[in-house]
Amino acid sequence: MSFRHAATLDEVPVGTAIPVDLGGDAEVAVVNTDEGVFAIRDVCSHAEVPLSDGDIDGCTLECYMHGSRFDLRTGFPLELPATEPVPVYPVRLDGTDIYVDIDNPINQEN
């Protein structure tokens, strides 16, 4: 696994999502919730808008454009109109540093 530094916990307080640039093709949002820190592709599979602009509720992130909610653990949509999952990525915490492995999405079919 190739973890890359994404942010610090100070930059992503609980209840927020931020876009991060980790290089490569992946557009990633780091999301800090009461249930943990998650990384998800920062593009809705339905409308191609940033998920990091959406609302967090528990372990879900809602797309602000049309209301699709995505499970932050799996990337799967829980509400229409989205029907396709978005990649989620392994996250590792080292103190207050957040690392994300964009090379090994958790839910990508090969």
PDB file of N, CA and C in Angstrom:
ATOM      1  N   MET A   1       0.841  -1.183   0.000  1.00  0.00           N
ATOM      2  CA  MET A   1       0.000   0.000   0.000  1.00  0.00           C
ATOM      3  C   MET A   1       0.881   1.239   0.000  1.00  0.00           C
ATOM      4  N   SER A   2       0.421   2.245  -0.691  1.00  0.00           N
ATOM      5  CA  SER A   2       1.209   3.471  -0.817  1.00  0.00           C
ATOM      6  C   SER A   2       0.414   4.658  -0.256  1.00  0.00           C
ATOM      7  N   PHE A   3       0.484   4.817   1.041  1.00  0.00           N
ATOM      8  CA  PHE A   3      -0.244   5.893   1.689  1.00  0.00           C
ATOM      9  C   PHE A   3       0.445   7.227   1.428  1.00  0.00           C
ATOM     10  N   ARG A   4      -0.398   8.242   1.180  1.00  0.00           N
ATOM     11  CA  ARG A   4       0.098   9.604   0.954  1.00  0.00           C
ATOM     12  C   ARG A   4      -0.523  10.530   1.995  1.00  0.00           C
ATOM     13  N   HIS A   5       0.287  11.478   2.456  1.00  0.00           N
ATOM     14  CA  HIS A   5      -0.225  12.435   3.436  1.00  0.00           C
ATOM     15  C   HIS A   5      -1.322  13.274   2.781  1.00  0.00           C
ATOM     16  N   ALA A   6      -2.492  13.323   3.440  1.00  0.00           N
ATOM     17  CA  ALA A   6      -3.641  14.044   2.883  1.00  0.00           C
ATOM     18  C   ALA A   6      -3.954  15.319   3.644  1.00  0.00           C
ATOM     19  N   ALA A   7      -3.894  15.259   4.974  1.00  0.00           N
ATOM     20  CA  ALA A   7      -4.277  16.410   5.790  1.00  0.00           C
ATOM     21  C   ALA A   7      -3.941  16.090   7.237  1.00  0.00           C
ATOM     22  N   THR A   8      -4.278  17.028   8.115  1.00  0.00           N
ATOM     23  CA  THR A   8      -4.187  16.772   9.549  1.00  0.00           C
ATOM     24  C   THR A   8      -5.593  16.843  10.129  1.00  0.00           C
ATOM     25  N   LEU A   9      -5.753  16.286  11.307  1.00  0.00           N
ATOM     26  CA  LEU A   9      -7.065  16.329  11.956  1.00  0.00           C
ATOM     27  C   LEU A   9      -7.499  17.765  12.235  1.00  0.00           C
ATOM     28  N   ASP A  10      -6.545  18.670  12.443  1.00  0.00           N
ATOM     29  CA  ASP A  10      -6.894  20.085  12.635  1.00  0.00           C
ATOM     30  C   ASP A  10      -7.511  20.689  11.379  1.00  0.00           C
ATOM     31  N   GLU A  11      -7.108  20.197  10.210  1.00  0.00           N
ATOM     32  CA  GLU A  11      -7.632  20.713   8.944  1.00  0.00           C
ATOM     33  C   GLU A  11      -9.003  20.137   8.597  1.00  0.00           C
ATOM     34  N   VAL A  12      -9.352  19.020   9.240  1.00  0.00           N
ATOM     35  CA  VAL A  12     -10.614  18.340   8.969  1.00  0.00           C
ATOM     36  C   VAL A  12     -11.320  18.047  10.297  1.00  0.00           C
ATOM     37  N   PRO A  13     -11.918  19.061  10.910  1.00  0.00           N
ATOM     38  CA  PRO A  13     -12.607  18.809  12.181  1.00  0.00           C
ATOM     39  C   PRO A  13     -13.764  17.835  11.990  1.00  0.00           C
ATOM     40  N   VAL A  14     -14.171  17.193  13.068  1.00  0.00           N
ATOM     41  CA  VAL A  14     -15.308  16.272  13.019  1.00  0.00           C
ATOM     42  C   VAL A  14     -16.514  16.997  12.425  1.00  0.00           C
ATOM     43  N   GLY A  15     -17.170  16.317  11.485  1.00  0.00           N
ATOM     44  CA  GLY A  15     -18.352  16.877  10.827  1.00  0.00           C
ATOM     45  C   GLY A  15     -18.051  17.650   9.565  1.00  0.00           C
ATOM     46  N   THR A  16     -16.805  17.553   9.083  1.00  0.00           N
ATOM     47  CA  THR A  16     -16.446  18.271   7.858  1.00  0.00           C
ATOM     48  C   THR A  16     -15.827  17.326   6.833  1.00  0.00           C
ATOM     49  N   ALA A  17     -15.839  17.799   5.596  1.00  0.00           N
ATOM     50  CA  ALA A  17     -15.191  17.113   4.476  1.00  0.00           C
ATOM     51  C   ALA A  17     -14.384  18.148   3.716  1.00  0.00           C
ATOM     52  N   ILE A  18     -13.187  17.764   3.291  1.00  0.00           N
ATOM     53  CA  ILE A  18     -12.380  18.680   2.491  1.00  0.00           C
ATOM     54  C   ILE A  18     -11.833  17.945   1.268  1.00  0.00           C
ATOM     55  N   PRO A  19     -11.713  18.660   0.149  1.00  0.00           N
ATOM     56  CA  PRO A  19     -11.041  18.059  -1.011  1.00  0.00           C
ATOM     57  C   PRO A  19      -9.532  18.092  -0.772  1.00  0.00           C
ATOM     58  N   VAL A  20      -8.845  17.048  -1.204  1.00  0.00           N
ATOM     59  CA  VAL A  20      -7.390  17.001  -1.086  1.00  0.00           C
ATOM     60  C   VAL A  20      -6.785  16.606  -2.427  1.00  0.00           C
ATOM     61  N   ASP A  21      -5.616  17.144  -2.699  1.00  0.00           N
ATOM     62  CA  ASP A  21      -4.896  16.816  -3.926  1.00  0.00           C
ATOM     63  C   ASP A  21      -3.784  15.843  -3.574  1.00  0.00           C
ATOM     64  N   LEU A  22      -3.946  14.608  -4.003  1.00  0.00           N
ATOM     65  CA  LEU A  22      -2.960  13.579  -3.725  1.00  0.00           C
ATOM     66  C   LEU A  22      -2.192  13.173  -4.980  1.00  0.00           C
ATOM     67  N   GLY A  23      -2.348  13.942  -6.032  1.00  0.00           N
ATOM     68  CA  GLY A  23      -1.694  13.615  -7.281  1.00  0.00           C
ATOM     69  C   GLY A  23      -2.431  12.510  -8.005  1.00  0.00           C
ATOM     70  N   GLY A  24      -1.979  12.180  -9.152  1.00  0.00           N
ATOM     71  CA  GLY A  24      -2.635  11.127  -9.924  1.00  0.00           C
ATOM     72  C   GLY A  24      -4.004  11.556 -10.408  1.00  0.00           C
ATOM     73  N   ASP A  25      -4.809  10.571 -10.769  1.00  0.00           N
ATOM     74  CA  ASP A  25      -6.130  10.837 -11.331  1.00  0.00           C
ATOM     75  C   ASP A  25      -7.229  10.956 -10.280  1.00  0.00           C
ATOM     76  N   ALA A  26      -6.933  10.587  -9.051  1.00  0.00           N
ATOM     77  CA  ALA A  26      -7.980  10.525  -8.029  1.00  0.00           C
ATOM     78  C   ALA A  26      -8.304  11.910  -7.471  1.00  0.00           C
ATOM     79  N   GLU A  27      -9.589  12.242  -7.476  1.00  0.00           N
ATOM     80  CA  GLU A  27     -10.083  13.407  -6.775  1.00  0.00           C
ATOM     81  C   GLU A  27     -10.667  12.866  -5.474  1.00  0.00           C
ATOM     82  N   VAL A  28     -10.102  13.273  -4.344  1.00  0.00           N
ATOM     83  CA  VAL A  28     -10.430  12.645  -3.073  1.00  0.00           C
ATOM     84  C   VAL A  28     -10.962  13.672  -2.082  1.00  0.00           C
ATOM     85  N   ALA A  29     -11.969  13.248  -1.316  1.00  0.00           N
ATOM     86  CA  ALA A  29     -12.449  14.027  -0.181  1.00  0.00           C
ATOM     87  C   ALA A  29     -12.104  13.254   1.083  1.00  0.00           C
ATOM     88  N   VAL A  30     -11.535  13.945   2.054  1.00  0.00           N
ATOM     89  CA  VAL A  30     -11.309  13.372   3.374  1.00  0.00           C
ATOM     90  C   VAL A  30     -12.451  13.854   4.255  1.00  0.00           C
ATOM     91  N   VAL A  31     -13.090  12.905   4.930  1.00  0.00           N
ATOM     92  CA  VAL A  31     -14.286  13.192   5.717  1.00  0.00           C
ATOM     93  C   VAL A  31     -14.051  12.715   7.150  1.00  0.00           C
ATOM     94  N   ASN A  32     -14.263  13.612   8.108  1.00  0.00           N
ATOM     95  CA  ASN A  32     -14.089  13.266   9.508  1.00  0.00           C
ATOM     96  C   ASN A  32     -15.458  13.219  10.172  1.00  0.00           C
ATOM     97  N   THR A  33     -15.808  12.061  10.714  1.00  0.00           N
ATOM     98  CA  THR A  33     -17.104  11.874  11.353  1.00  0.00           C
ATOM     99  C   THR A  33     -16.894  11.382  12.781  1.00  0.00           C
ATOM    100  N   ASP A  34     -17.970  11.315  13.536  1.00  0.00           N
ATOM    101  CA  ASP A  34     -17.892  10.734  14.878  1.00  0.00           C
ATOM    102  C   ASP A  34     -17.485   9.267  14.820  1.00  0.00           C
ATOM    103  N   GLU A  35     -17.677   8.632  13.665  1.00  0.00           N
ATOM    104  CA  GLU A  35     -17.375   7.207  13.507  1.00  0.00           C
ATOM    105  C   GLU A  35     -16.001   6.947  12.906  1.00  0.00           C
ATOM    106  N   GLY A  36     -15.261   7.995  12.583  1.00  0.00           N
ATOM    107  CA  GLY A  36     -13.920   7.828  12.049  1.00  0.00           C
ATOM    108  C   GLY A  36     -13.638   8.764  10.895  1.00  0.00           C
ATOM    109  N   VAL A  37     -12.440   8.595  10.339  1.00  0.00           N
ATOM    110  CA  VAL A  37     -12.003   9.390   9.195  1.00  0.00           C
ATOM    111  C   VAL A  37     -12.067   8.502   7.963  1.00  0.00           C
ATOM    112  N   PHE A  38     -12.618   9.048   6.884  1.00  0.00           N
ATOM    113  CA  PHE A  38     -12.824   8.293   5.656  1.00  0.00           C
ATOM    114  C   PHE A  38     -12.283   9.078   4.464  1.00  0.00           C
ATOM    115  N   ALA A  39     -12.003   8.358   3.386  1.00  0.00           N
ATOM    116  CA  ALA A  39     -11.609   8.980   2.122  1.00  0.00           C
ATOM    117  C   ALA A  39     -12.482   8.396   1.028  1.00  0.00           C
ATOM    118  N   ILE A  40     -13.045   9.266   0.208  1.00  0.00           N
ATOM    119  CA  ILE A  40     -13.972   8.867  -0.840  1.00  0.00           C
ATOM    120  C   ILE A  40     -13.685   9.715  -2.071  1.00  0.00           C
ATOM    121  N   ARG A  41     -13.945   9.154  -3.245  1.00  0.00           N
ATOM    122  CA  ARG A  41     -13.778   9.939  -4.472  1.00  0.00           C
ATOM    123  C   ARG A  41     -14.665  11.167  -4.366  1.00  0.00           C
ATOM    124  N   ASP A  42     -14.113  12.316  -4.690  1.00  0.00           N
ATOM    125  CA  ASP A  42     -14.811  13.583  -4.491  1.00  0.00           C
ATOM    126  C   ASP A  42     -15.655  13.973  -5.694  1.00  0.00           C
ATOM    127  N   VAL A  43     -16.249  12.975  -6.338  1.00  0.00           N
ATOM    128  CA  VAL A  43     -17.108  13.245  -7.483  1.00  0.00           C
ATOM    129  C   VAL A  43     -18.323  12.328  -7.407  1.00  0.00           C
ATOM    130  N   CYS A  44     -19.512  12.910  -7.391  1.00  0.00           N
ATOM    131  CA  CYS A  44     -20.741  12.123  -7.369  1.00  0.00           C
ATOM    132  C   CYS A  44     -20.839  11.291  -8.641  1.00  0.00           C
ATOM    133  N   SER A  45     -21.241  10.048  -8.499  1.00  0.00           N
ATOM    134  CA  SER A  45     -21.350   9.167  -9.672  1.00  0.00           C
ATOM    135  C   SER A  45     -22.564   9.503 -10.532  1.00  0.00           C
ATOM    136  N   HIS A  46     -23.440  10.355 -10.059  1.00  0.00           N
ATOM    137  CA  HIS A  46     -24.615  10.730 -10.825  1.00  0.00           C
ATOM    138  C   HIS A  46     -24.427  12.053 -11.563  1.00  0.00           C
ATOM    139  N   ALA A  47     -23.978  13.076 -10.844  1.00  0.00           N
ATOM    140  CA  ALA A  47     -23.961  14.415 -11.433  1.00  0.00           C
ATOM    141  C   ALA A  47     -22.574  15.009 -11.609  1.00  0.00           C
ATOM    142  N   GLU A  48     -21.527  14.281 -11.225  1.00  0.00           N
ATOM    143  CA  GLU A  48     -20.159  14.757 -11.378  1.00  0.00           C
ATOM    144  C   GLU A  48     -19.932  16.108 -10.695  1.00  0.00           C
ATOM    145  N   VAL A  49     -20.425  16.240  -9.474  1.00  0.00           N
ATOM    146  CA  VAL A  49     -20.176  17.423  -8.649  1.00  0.00           C
ATOM    147  C   VAL A  49     -19.402  16.982  -7.408  1.00  0.00           C
ATOM    148  N   PRO A  50     -18.704  17.905  -6.743  1.00  0.00           N
ATOM    149  CA  PRO A  50     -17.894  17.537  -5.583  1.00  0.00           C
ATOM    150  C   PRO A  50     -18.745  17.061  -4.403  1.00  0.00           C
ATOM    151  N   LEU A  51     -18.450  15.866  -3.931  1.00  0.00           N
ATOM    152  CA  LEU A  51     -19.142  15.362  -2.746  1.00  0.00           C
ATOM    153  C   LEU A  51     -18.701  16.115  -1.493  1.00  0.00           C
ATOM    154  N   SER A  52     -17.493  16.673  -1.511  1.00  0.00           N
ATOM    155  CA  SER A  52     -17.001  17.386  -0.332  1.00  0.00           C
ATOM    156  C   SER A  52     -17.845  18.617  -0.004  1.00  0.00           C
ATOM    157  N   ASP A  53     -18.679  19.069  -0.932  1.00  0.00           N
ATOM    158  CA  ASP A  53     -19.578  20.198  -0.677  1.00  0.00           C
ATOM    159  C   ASP A  53     -20.884  19.755  -0.024  1.00  0.00           C
ATOM    160  N   GLY A  54     -21.057  18.455   0.167  1.00  0.00           N
ATOM    161  CA  GLY A  54     -22.313  17.922   0.685  1.00  0.00           C
ATOM    162  C   GLY A  54     -22.360  17.856   2.197  1.00  0.00           C
ATOM    163  N   ASP A  55     -23.465  17.334   2.705  1.00  0.00           N
ATOM    164  CA  ASP A  55     -23.705  17.218   4.141  1.00  0.00           C
ATOM    165  C   ASP A  55     -23.326  15.832   4.647  1.00  0.00           C
ATOM    166  N   ILE A  56     -22.769  15.801   5.852  1.00  0.00           N
ATOM    167  CA  ILE A  56     -22.381  14.554   6.508  1.00  0.00           C
ATOM    168  C   ILE A  56     -23.441  14.211   7.535  1.00  0.00           C
ATOM    169  N   ASP A  57     -23.858  12.940   7.528  1.00  0.00           N
ATOM    170  CA  ASP A  57     -24.802  12.457   8.522  1.00  0.00           C
ATOM    171  C   ASP A  57     -24.369  11.056   8.915  1.00  0.00           C
ATOM    172  N   GLY A  58     -23.838  10.915  10.122  1.00  0.00           N
ATOM    173  CA  GLY A  58     -23.321   9.615  10.538  1.00  0.00           C
ATOM    174  C   GLY A  58     -22.186   9.200   9.633  1.00  0.00           C
ATOM    175  N   CYS A  59     -22.350   8.053   8.988  1.00  0.00           N
ATOM    176  CA  CYS A  59     -21.333   7.519   8.080  1.00  0.00           C
ATOM    177  C   CYS A  59     -21.733   7.703   6.622  1.00  0.00           C
ATOM    178  N   THR A  60     -22.488   8.772   6.344  1.00  0.00           N
ATOM    179  CA  THR A  60     -22.901   9.039   4.966  1.00  0.00           C
ATOM    180  C   THR A  60     -22.529  10.456   4.569  1.00  0.00           C
ATOM    181  N   LEU A  61     -22.382  10.637   3.274  1.00  0.00           N
ATOM    182  CA  LEU A  61     -22.125  11.943   2.684  1.00  0.00           C
ATOM    183  C   LEU A  61     -23.160  12.158   1.597  1.00  0.00           C
ATOM    184  N   GLU A  62     -23.886  13.268   1.692  1.00  0.00           N
ATOM    185  CA  GLU A  62     -24.968  13.558   0.753  1.00  0.00           C
ATOM    186  C   GLU A  62     -24.507  14.540  -0.312  1.00  0.00           C
ATOM    187  N   CYS A  63     -24.749  14.209  -1.550  1.00  0.00           N
ATOM    188  CA  CYS A  63     -24.446  15.107  -2.666  1.00  0.00           C
ATOM    189  C   CYS A  63     -25.404  16.293  -2.604  1.00  0.00           C
ATOM    190  N   TYR A  64     -24.853  17.485  -2.640  1.00  0.00           N
ATOM    191  CA  TYR A  64     -25.688  18.683  -2.514  1.00  0.00           C
ATOM    192  C   TYR A  64     -26.577  18.913  -3.734  1.00  0.00           C
ATOM    193  N   MET A  65     -26.223  18.357  -4.873  1.00  0.00           N
ATOM    194  CA  MET A  65     -26.949  18.665  -6.110  1.00  0.00           C
ATOM    195  C   MET A  65     -28.323  17.987  -6.176  1.00  0.00           C
ATOM    196  N   HIS A  66     -28.356  16.671  -5.971  1.00  0.00           N
ATOM    197  CA  HIS A  66     -29.617  15.943  -6.127  1.00  0.00           C
ATOM    198  C   HIS A  66     -29.977  15.068  -4.926  1.00  0.00           C
ATOM    199  N   GLY A  67     -29.182  15.099  -3.868  1.00  0.00           N
ATOM    200  CA  GLY A  67     -29.545  14.404  -2.641  1.00  0.00           C
ATOM    201  C   GLY A  67     -29.131  12.954  -2.522  1.00  0.00           C
ATOM    202  N   SER A  68     -28.363  12.426  -3.446  1.00  0.00           N
ATOM    203  CA  SER A  68     -27.881  11.054  -3.287  1.00  0.00           C
ATOM    204  C   SER A  68     -26.956  10.994  -2.074  1.00  0.00           C
ATOM    205  N   ARG A  69     -27.141   9.961  -1.255  1.00  0.00           N
ATOM    206  CA  ARG A  69     -26.266   9.755  -0.103  1.00  0.00           C
ATOM    207  C   ARG A  69     -25.374   8.550  -0.381  1.00  0.00           C
ATOM    208  N   PHE A  70     -24.103   8.668   0.007  1.00  0.00           N
ATOM    209  CA  PHE A  70     -23.135   7.599  -0.188  1.00  0.00           C
ATOM    210  C   PHE A  70     -22.612   7.131   1.162  1.00  0.00           C
ATOM    211  N   ASP A  71     -22.507   5.802   1.318  1.00  0.00           N
ATOM    212  CA  ASP A  71     -21.929   5.223   2.520  1.00  0.00           C
ATOM    213  C   ASP A  71     -20.418   5.463   2.472  1.00  0.00           C
ATOM    214  N   LEU A  72     -19.880   6.106   3.482  1.00  0.00           N
ATOM    215  CA  LEU A  72     -18.454   6.424   3.499  1.00  0.00           C
ATOM    216  C   LEU A  72     -17.581   5.189   3.679  1.00  0.00           C
ATOM    217  N   ARG A  73     -18.142   4.102   4.169  1.00  0.00           N
ATOM    218  CA  ARG A  73     -17.372   2.868   4.361  1.00  0.00           C
ATOM    219  C   ARG A  73     -17.261   2.068   3.076  1.00  0.00           C
ATOM    220  N   THR A  74     -18.281   2.152   2.215  1.00  0.00           N
ATOM    221  CA  THR A  74     -18.324   1.297   1.022  1.00  0.00           C
ATOM    222  C   THR A  74     -18.352   2.077  -0.286  1.00  0.00           C
ATOM    223  N   GLY A  75     -18.786   3.330  -0.246  1.00  0.00           N
ATOM    224  CA  GLY A  75     -18.950   4.121  -1.458  1.00  0.00           C
ATOM    225  C   GLY A  75     -20.258   3.876  -2.178  1.00  0.00           C
ATOM    226  N   PHE A  76     -21.076   2.970  -1.664  1.00  0.00           N
ATOM    227  CA  PHE A  76     -22.324   2.640  -2.343  1.00  0.00           C
ATOM    228  C   PHE A  76     -23.395   3.698  -2.075  1.00  0.00           C
ATOM    229  N   PRO A  77     -24.183   4.014  -3.108  1.00  0.00           N
ATOM    230  CA  PRO A  77     -25.255   4.994  -2.925  1.00  0.00           C
ATOM    231  C   PRO A  77     -26.406   4.396  -2.115  1.00  0.00           C
ATOM    232  N   LEU A  78     -26.966   5.226  -1.249  1.00  0.00           N
ATOM    233  CA  LEU A  78     -28.085   4.803  -0.413  1.00  0.00           C
ATOM    234  C   LEU A  78     -29.382   5.480  -0.830  1.00  0.00           C
ATOM    235  N   GLU A  79     -29.287   6.468  -1.691  1.00  0.00           N
ATOM    236  CA  GLU A  79     -30.454   7.214  -2.175  1.00  0.00           C
ATOM    237  C   GLU A  79     -30.292   7.461  -3.669  1.00  0.00           C
ATOM    238  N   LEU A  80     -31.403   7.439  -4.376  1.00  0.00           N
ATOM    239  CA  LEU A  80     -31.406   7.826  -5.781  1.00  0.00           C
ATOM    240  C   LEU A  80     -31.231   9.341  -5.866  1.00  0.00           C
ATOM    241  N   PRO A  81     -30.768   9.873  -6.957  1.00  0.00           N
ATOM    242  CA  PRO A  81     -30.705   9.245  -8.268  1.00  0.00           C
ATOM    243  C   PRO A  81     -29.414   8.470  -8.557  1.00  0.00           C
ATOM    244  N   ALA A  82     -28.388   8.570  -7.714  1.00  0.00           N
ATOM    245  CA  ALA A  82     -27.160   7.815  -7.984  1.00  0.00           C
ATOM    246  C   ALA A  82     -27.425   6.319  -7.844  1.00  0.00           C
ATOM    247  N   THR A  83     -26.871   5.551  -8.767  1.00  0.00           N
ATOM    248  CA  THR A  83     -27.004   4.096  -8.726  1.00  0.00           C
ATOM    249  C   THR A  83     -25.648   3.400  -8.733  1.00  0.00           C
ATOM    250  N   GLU A  84     -24.584   4.136  -9.028  1.00  0.00           N
ATOM    251  CA  GLU A  84     -23.244   3.567  -9.096  1.00  0.00           C
ATOM    252  C   GLU A  84     -22.426   4.008  -7.881  1.00  0.00           C
ATOM    253  N   PRO A  85     -21.634   3.100  -7.320  1.00  0.00           N
ATOM    254  CA  PRO A  85     -20.782   3.480  -6.187  1.00  0.00           C
ATOM    255  C   PRO A  85     -19.624   4.362  -6.638  1.00  0.00           C
ATOM    256  N   VAL A  86     -19.023   5.036  -5.682  1.00  0.00           N
ATOM    257  CA  VAL A  86     -17.788   5.779  -5.919  1.00  0.00           C
ATOM    258  C   VAL A  86     -16.693   5.107  -5.094  1.00  0.00           C
ATOM    259  N   PRO A  87     -15.462   5.160  -5.562  1.00  0.00           N
ATOM    260  CA  PRO A  87     -14.385   4.506  -4.818  1.00  0.00           C
ATOM    261  C   PRO A  87     -14.187   5.124  -3.432  1.00  0.00           C
ATOM    262  N   VAL A  88     -13.882   4.275  -2.479  1.00  0.00           N
ATOM    263  CA  VAL A  88     -13.418   4.703  -1.167  1.00  0.00           C
ATOM    264  C   VAL A  88     -12.011   4.141  -0.982  1.00  0.00           C
ATOM    265  N   TYR A  89     -11.240   4.808  -0.155  1.00  0.00           N
ATOM    266  CA  TYR A  89      -9.820   4.491  -0.045  1.00  0.00           C
ATOM    267  C   TYR A  89      -9.428   4.210   1.406  1.00  0.00           C
ATOM    268  N   PRO A  90      -8.445   3.333   1.598  1.00  0.00           N
ATOM    269  CA  PRO A  90      -7.947   3.072   2.948  1.00  0.00           C
ATOM    270  C   PRO A  90      -7.367   4.349   3.563  1.00  0.00           C
ATOM    271  N   VAL A  91      -7.623   4.520   4.855  1.00  0.00           N
ATOM    272  CA  VAL A  91      -7.122   5.670   5.607  1.00  0.00           C
ATOM    273  C   VAL A  91      -6.307   5.152   6.782  1.00  0.00           C
ATOM    274  N   ARG A  92      -5.207   5.828   7.042  1.00  0.00           N
ATOM    275  CA  ARG A  92      -4.377   5.510   8.204  1.00  0.00           C
ATOM    276  C   ARG A  92      -4.102   6.807   8.953  1.00  0.00           C
ATOM    277  N   LEU A  93      -4.247   6.752  10.265  1.00  0.00           N
ATOM    278  CA  LEU A  93      -3.910   7.901  11.102  1.00  0.00           C
ATOM    279  C   LEU A  93      -2.574   7.643  11.770  1.00  0.00           C
ATOM    280  N   ASP A  94      -1.735   8.671  11.801  1.00  0.00           N
ATOM    281  CA  ASP A  94      -0.463   8.619  12.514  1.00  0.00           C
ATOM    282  C   ASP A  94      -0.403   9.886  13.349  1.00  0.00           C
ATOM    283  N   GLY A  95      -0.801   9.766  14.607  1.00  0.00           N
ATOM    284  CA  GLY A  95      -0.957  10.957  15.436  1.00  0.00           C
ATOM    285  C   GLY A  95      -2.113  11.780  14.893  1.00  0.00           C
ATOM    286  N   THR A  96      -1.824  13.014  14.499  1.00  0.00           N
ATOM    287  CA  THR A  96      -2.871  13.864  13.918  1.00  0.00           C
ATOM    288  C   THR A  96      -2.790  13.913  12.394  1.00  0.00           C
ATOM    289  N   ASP A  97      -1.868  13.167  11.814  1.00  0.00           N
ATOM    290  CA  ASP A  97      -1.716  13.138  10.360  1.00  0.00           C
ATOM    291  C   ASP A  97      -2.625  12.081   9.742  1.00  0.00           C
ATOM    292  N   ILE A  98      -3.263  12.445   8.634  1.00  0.00           N
ATOM    293  CA  ILE A  98      -4.164  11.554   7.897  1.00  0.00           C
ATOM    294  C   ILE A  98      -3.473  11.142   6.604  1.00  0.00           C
ATOM    295  N   TYR A  99      -3.396   9.833   6.390  1.00  0.00           N
ATOM    296  CA  TYR A  99      -2.798   9.286   5.176  1.00  0.00           C
ATOM    297  C   TYR A  99      -3.855   8.490   4.418  1.00  0.00           C
ATOM    298  N   VAL A 100      -3.817   8.589   3.080  1.00  0.00           N
ATOM    299  CA  VAL A 100      -4.791   7.907   2.233  1.00  0.00           C
ATOM    300  C   VAL A 100      -4.038   7.118   1.166  1.00  0.00           C
ATOM    301  N   ASP A 101      -4.514   5.911   0.899  1.00  0.00           N
ATOM    302  CA  ASP A 101      -3.925   5.056  -0.141  1.00  0.00           C
ATOM    303  C   ASP A 101      -4.843   5.085  -1.368  1.00  0.00           C
ATOM    304  N   ILE A 102      -4.551   5.978  -2.316  1.00  0.00           N
ATOM    305  CA  ILE A 102      -5.410   6.097  -3.505  1.00  0.00           C
ATOM    306  C   ILE A 102      -5.124   5.012  -4.539  1.00  0.00           C
ATOM    307  N   ASP A 103      -4.046   4.279  -4.354  1.00  0.00           N
ATOM    308  CA  ASP A 103      -3.692   3.246  -5.326  1.00  0.00           C
ATOM    309  C   ASP A 103      -4.466   1.942  -5.123  1.00  0.00           C
ATOM    310  N   ASN A 104      -5.157   1.827  -3.990  1.00  0.00           N
ATOM    311  CA  ASN A 104      -5.857   0.582  -3.670  1.00  0.00           C
ATOM    312  C   ASN A 104      -7.273   0.844  -3.179  1.00  0.00           C
ATOM    313  N   PRO A 105      -8.160   1.323  -4.068  1.00  0.00           N
ATOM    314  CA  PRO A 105      -9.545   1.556  -3.648  1.00  0.00           C
ATOM    315  C   PRO A 105     -10.151   0.299  -3.050  1.00  0.00           C
ATOM    316  N   ILE A 106     -10.966   0.489  -2.028  1.00  0.00           N
ATOM    317  CA  ILE A 106     -11.547  -0.640  -1.308  1.00  0.00           C
ATOM    318  C   ILE A 106     -12.623  -1.351  -2.131  1.00  0.00           C
ATOM    319  N   ASN A 107     -13.425  -0.617  -2.875  1.00  0.00           N
ATOM    320  CA  ASN A 107     -14.587  -1.215  -3.547  1.00  0.00           C
ATOM    321  C   ASN A 107     -14.450  -1.299  -5.060  1.00  0.00           C
ATOM    322  N   GLN A 108     -13.243  -1.173  -5.573  1.00  0.00           N
ATOM    323  CA  GLN A 108     -13.066  -1.211  -7.026  1.00  0.00           C
ATOM    324  C   GLN A 108     -13.005  -2.653  -7.504  1.00  0.00           C
ATOM    325  N   GLU A 109     -13.818  -2.963  -8.513  1.00  0.00           N
ATOM    326  CA  GLU A 109     -13.773  -4.293  -9.100  1.00  0.00           C
ATOM    327  C   GLU A 109     -12.684  -4.347 -10.144  1.00  0.00           C
ATOM    328  N   ASN A 110     -11.918  -5.411 -10.129  1.00  0.00           N
ATOM    329  CA  ASN A 110     -10.835  -5.560 -11.120  1.00  0.00           C
ATOM    330  C   ASN A 110     -11.186  -6.635 -12.114  1.00  0.00           C
TER     331      ASN A 110
END
